[in-house]
Amino acid sequence: VSPPSCPPGRSYIRYSQICAQAVRAAMKPQYKAEAERAAVATVKTVKPKKE
């Protein structure tokens, strides 16, 4: 189910990613590099140990 502000057929997560990309693209060059570095996310998954 999409929130009212989200176009039909898009998940909220994808919608927010598109909005964030648009905001970063509109930034001034001196702030753009820092924003793009912050946008890169690293995720580490850890499986629970079976006992």
N, C-alpha and C. Protein backbone atom coordinates (compact mmCIF):
# COMPACT_ATOMS: atom_id res chain seq x y z
N VAL A 1 0.86 -1.18 0.00
CA VAL A 1 0.00 0.00 0.00
C VAL A 1 0.89 1.24 0.00
N SER A 2 0.64 2.12 -0.93
CA SER A 2 1.43 3.34 -1.04
C SER A 2 0.80 4.45 -0.21
N PRO A 3 1.62 5.29 0.42
CA PRO A 3 1.07 6.44 1.14
C PRO A 3 0.43 7.41 0.14
N PRO A 4 -0.44 8.30 0.60
CA PRO A 4 -1.13 9.22 -0.31
C PRO A 4 -0.20 10.08 -1.15
N SER A 5 0.97 10.43 -0.63
CA SER A 5 1.89 11.30 -1.38
C SER A 5 2.71 10.52 -2.40
N CYS A 6 2.66 9.21 -2.35
CA CYS A 6 3.46 8.36 -3.22
C CYS A 6 2.65 7.97 -4.46
N PRO A 7 3.25 8.05 -5.65
CA PRO A 7 2.53 7.65 -6.86
C PRO A 7 2.12 6.18 -6.81
N PRO A 8 1.00 5.82 -7.41
CA PRO A 8 0.56 4.42 -7.41
C PRO A 8 1.60 3.51 -8.07
N GLY A 9 1.78 2.33 -7.52
CA GLY A 9 2.73 1.38 -8.07
C GLY A 9 4.15 1.53 -7.56
N ARG A 10 4.40 2.49 -6.71
CA ARG A 10 5.74 2.70 -6.16
C ARG A 10 5.69 2.47 -4.65
N SER A 11 6.72 1.82 -4.13
CA SER A 11 6.80 1.67 -2.69
C SER A 11 7.32 2.97 -2.09
N TYR A 12 7.08 3.17 -0.82
CA TYR A 12 7.54 4.39 -0.16
C TYR A 12 9.06 4.47 -0.18
N ILE A 13 9.73 3.33 0.00
CA ILE A 13 11.20 3.32 0.01
C ILE A 13 11.73 3.79 -1.33
N ARG A 14 11.21 3.26 -2.43
CA ARG A 14 11.67 3.67 -3.77
C ARG A 14 11.35 5.14 -4.02
N TYR A 15 10.16 5.57 -3.61
CA TYR A 15 9.76 6.97 -3.77
C TYR A 15 10.72 7.89 -3.02
N SER A 16 11.09 7.52 -1.79
CA SER A 16 12.01 8.37 -1.02
C SER A 16 13.41 8.36 -1.62
N GLN A 17 13.83 7.24 -2.24
CA GLN A 17 15.13 7.19 -2.91
C GLN A 17 15.16 8.14 -4.10
N ILE A 18 14.08 8.17 -4.87
CA ILE A 18 14.00 9.06 -6.03
C ILE A 18 14.03 10.52 -5.58
N CYS A 19 13.30 10.83 -4.51
CA CYS A 19 13.29 12.20 -3.98
C CYS A 19 14.68 12.61 -3.50
N ALA A 20 15.37 11.71 -2.81
CA ALA A 20 16.71 12.01 -2.31
C ALA A 20 17.69 12.25 -3.45
N GLN A 21 17.58 11.46 -4.52
CA GLN A 21 18.44 11.65 -5.68
C GLN A 21 18.19 13.02 -6.31
N ALA A 22 16.93 13.43 -6.39
CA ALA A 22 16.59 14.73 -6.98
C ALA A 22 17.16 15.87 -6.14
N VAL A 23 17.08 15.73 -4.82
CA VAL A 23 17.60 16.77 -3.93
C VAL A 23 19.12 16.86 -4.07
N ARG A 24 19.81 15.71 -4.09
CA ARG A 24 21.27 15.72 -4.24
C ARG A 24 21.69 16.30 -5.59
N ALA A 25 20.93 16.02 -6.63
CA ALA A 25 21.25 16.54 -7.97
C ALA A 25 21.09 18.05 -8.03
N ALA A 26 20.21 18.62 -7.21
CA ALA A 26 19.95 20.06 -7.23
C ALA A 26 20.90 20.85 -6.33
N MET A 27 21.74 20.16 -5.57
CA MET A 27 22.64 20.84 -4.63
C MET A 27 23.76 21.57 -5.35
N LYS A 28 24.30 22.57 -4.67
CA LYS A 28 25.47 23.29 -5.17
C LYS A 28 26.67 22.33 -5.13
N PRO A 29 27.61 22.50 -6.06
CA PRO A 29 28.75 21.57 -6.16
C PRO A 29 29.53 21.38 -4.86
N GLN A 30 29.72 22.43 -4.07
CA GLN A 30 30.52 22.28 -2.85
C GLN A 30 29.83 21.39 -1.81
N TYR A 31 28.52 21.26 -1.86
CA TYR A 31 27.79 20.41 -0.92
C TYR A 31 27.46 19.05 -1.52
N LYS A 32 27.47 18.97 -2.84
CA LYS A 32 27.05 17.76 -3.54
C LYS A 32 27.94 16.56 -3.22
N ALA A 33 29.26 16.74 -3.22
CA ALA A 33 30.19 15.63 -2.99
C ALA A 33 29.98 15.03 -1.60
N GLU A 34 29.80 15.87 -0.61
CA GLU A 34 29.58 15.37 0.75
C GLU A 34 28.26 14.62 0.86
N ALA A 35 27.22 15.13 0.23
CA ALA A 35 25.91 14.48 0.26
C ALA A 35 25.95 13.13 -0.44
N GLU A 36 26.68 13.04 -1.54
CA GLU A 36 26.78 11.76 -2.25
C GLU A 36 27.56 10.74 -1.44
N ARG A 37 28.58 11.18 -0.71
CA ARG A 37 29.32 10.25 0.16
C ARG A 37 28.43 9.74 1.27
N ALA A 38 27.60 10.60 1.83
CA ALA A 38 26.71 10.19 2.91
C ALA A 38 25.60 9.27 2.41
N ALA A 39 25.28 9.35 1.12
CA ALA A 39 24.20 8.55 0.56
C ALA A 39 24.59 7.08 0.39
N VAL A 40 25.90 6.81 0.30
CA VAL A 40 26.34 5.43 0.12
C VAL A 40 26.20 4.71 1.45
N ALA A 41 25.45 3.64 1.44
CA ALA A 41 25.21 2.89 2.67
C ALA A 41 25.89 1.53 2.59
N THR A 42 26.43 1.11 3.70
CA THR A 42 27.02 -0.21 3.79
C THR A 42 26.20 -1.00 4.79
N VAL A 43 25.77 -2.17 4.35
CA VAL A 43 24.95 -3.01 5.21
C VAL A 43 25.68 -4.32 5.45
N LYS A 44 25.75 -4.71 6.69
CA LYS A 44 26.38 -5.97 7.05
C LYS A 44 25.32 -6.87 7.66
N THR A 45 25.18 -8.07 7.12
CA THR A 45 24.20 -9.00 7.68
C THR A 45 24.94 -10.04 8.49
N VAL A 46 24.38 -10.37 9.62
CA VAL A 46 24.97 -11.36 10.51
C VAL A 46 23.90 -12.39 10.82
N LYS A 47 24.22 -13.65 10.54
CA LYS A 47 23.27 -14.72 10.84
C LYS A 47 23.43 -15.11 12.31
N PRO A 48 22.31 -15.32 12.99
CA PRO A 48 22.41 -15.73 14.39
C PRO A 48 23.00 -17.14 14.50
N LYS A 49 23.78 -17.35 15.55
CA LYS A 49 24.39 -18.66 15.78
C LYS A 49 23.35 -19.61 16.35
N LYS A 50 23.35 -20.82 15.84
CA LYS A 50 22.43 -21.84 16.38
C LYS A 50 23.11 -22.51 17.56
N GLU A 51 22.37 -22.64 18.63
CA GLU A 51 22.95 -23.26 19.83
C GLU A 51 22.30 -24.56 20.11
